[in-house]
Protein backbone atom coordinates (compact mmCIF):
# COMPACT_ATOMS: atom_id res chain seq x y z
CA MET A 1 -2.43 2.39 0.66
CA SER A 2 -4.27 -0.58 -0.70
CA VAL A 3 -3.17 -2.74 2.25
CA GLY A 4 -5.72 -0.97 4.45
CA HIS A 5 -8.50 -1.55 1.96
CA VAL A 6 -7.55 -5.21 1.57
CA ALA A 7 -7.42 -5.69 5.37
CA ARG A 8 -10.91 -4.22 5.74
CA ALA A 9 -12.28 -6.42 2.95
CA ILE A 10 -10.82 -9.53 4.58
CA GLU A 11 -12.25 -8.42 7.94
CA GLU A 12 -15.70 -8.04 6.36
CA SER A 13 -15.58 -11.72 5.42
CA GLY A 14 -14.97 -12.61 9.08
CA ILE A 15 -11.22 -13.16 9.05
CA PRO A 16 -9.20 -11.05 11.51
CA THR A 17 -6.16 -9.25 10.13
CA VAL A 18 -3.01 -7.64 11.49
CA THR A 19 -0.94 -5.33 9.32
CA ILE A 20 2.77 -4.93 10.10
CA MET A 21 4.00 -1.50 9.05
CA VAL A 22 7.24 0.40 9.44
CA LYS A 23 7.11 3.52 11.62
CA ALA A 24 7.30 5.78 8.56
CA PHE A 25 3.75 4.70 7.65
CA GLU A 26 2.17 4.95 11.10
CA HIS A 27 0.29 8.09 10.06
CA ARG A 28 -1.28 6.17 7.18
CA ALA A 29 -2.42 3.37 9.50
CA ARG A 30 -4.10 6.00 11.68
CA GLU A 31 -5.69 7.81 8.72
CA LEU A 32 -7.03 4.58 7.19
CA ARG A 33 -8.11 3.10 10.54
CA ILE A 34 -6.70 -0.25 9.57
CA PRO A 35 -8.29 -2.86 11.89
CA ARG A 36 -5.08 -3.85 13.74
CA THR A 37 -1.58 -2.57 13.07
CA LEU A 38 1.78 -3.51 14.54
CA ILE A 39 4.27 -0.67 14.02
CA VAL A 40 7.95 -1.59 13.87
CA LYS A 41 10.89 0.82 14.13
CA HIS A 42 12.54 -0.60 11.02
CA PRO A 43 13.61 0.89 7.71
CA MET A 44 11.32 0.60 4.71
CA GLY A 45 11.45 -2.81 3.13
CA ARG A 46 12.34 -4.57 6.39
CA PRO A 47 9.06 -4.84 8.36
CA LEU A 48 10.06 -8.23 9.76
CA GLY A 49 13.68 -7.34 10.43
CA ALA A 50 17.01 -8.04 8.79
CA ALA A 51 17.40 -10.90 6.34
CA GLY A 52 18.41 -14.04 8.18
CA ASP A 53 17.34 -12.75 11.60
CA ALA A 54 14.89 -15.57 12.29
CA ALA A 55 14.76 -14.82 16.02
CA ARG A 56 13.57 -11.23 15.47
CA GLN A 57 11.18 -12.33 12.72
CA HIS A 58 9.58 -14.79 15.15
CA GLU A 59 9.32 -12.06 17.82
CA ILE A 60 7.51 -9.76 15.41
CA LEU A 61 5.14 -12.49 14.23
CA ASP A 62 4.41 -13.47 17.84
CA ALA A 63 3.60 -9.82 18.61
CA ALA A 64 1.28 -9.72 15.58
CA PHE A 65 -0.55 -12.88 16.70
CA ASP A 66 -0.86 -11.46 20.22
CA LEU A 67 -2.36 -8.28 18.76
CA ALA A 68 -4.86 -10.32 16.74
CA GLN A 69 -6.07 -11.94 19.94
CA SER A 70 -5.99 -8.93 22.26
CA ALA A 71 -7.30 -6.00 20.18
CA THR A 72 -10.80 -5.05 21.23
CA GLU A 73 -11.56 -2.19 18.85
CA ASN A 74 -11.07 -1.20 15.24
CA GLY A 75 -8.00 0.93 14.56
CA THR A 76 -5.82 -0.57 17.32
CA ILE A 77 -2.17 0.34 16.80
CA ILE A 78 0.60 -1.19 18.88
CA GLU A 79 4.30 -0.40 18.58
CA PHE A 80 6.88 -3.19 18.68
CA ALA A 81 9.32 -1.96 21.32
CA ALA A 82 12.63 -3.29 20.02
CA PRO A 83 14.57 -1.21 17.47
CA PHE A 84 15.82 -2.55 14.17
CA ARG A 85 19.03 -4.54 14.35
CA PRO A 86 20.94 -4.76 11.08
CA ALA A 87 22.31 -8.25 11.60
CA PRO A 88 20.97 -11.41 13.22
CA ALA A 89 21.73 -11.88 16.90
CA HIS A 90 24.12 -14.75 17.41
CA THR A 91 23.51 -17.11 20.28
């Protein structure tokens, strides 16, 4: 998984990173000790949610930014609590 290697290289230059990964790859995030990882319970190819679901995409990005600010040690993995929803929520 080159994403872990890229994240570490970016971190070495002083820029914090957060990787968003689907649950199926959580074991890889743990093996690679990626600096910060947000795990989402979504199908492969949909780490930010369903197409057109801007509300969920914002929630996930907000959680990623929160993780970037709150993580205190390398290899921090947090799980996004909400499950995948196949269609945007209508308000």
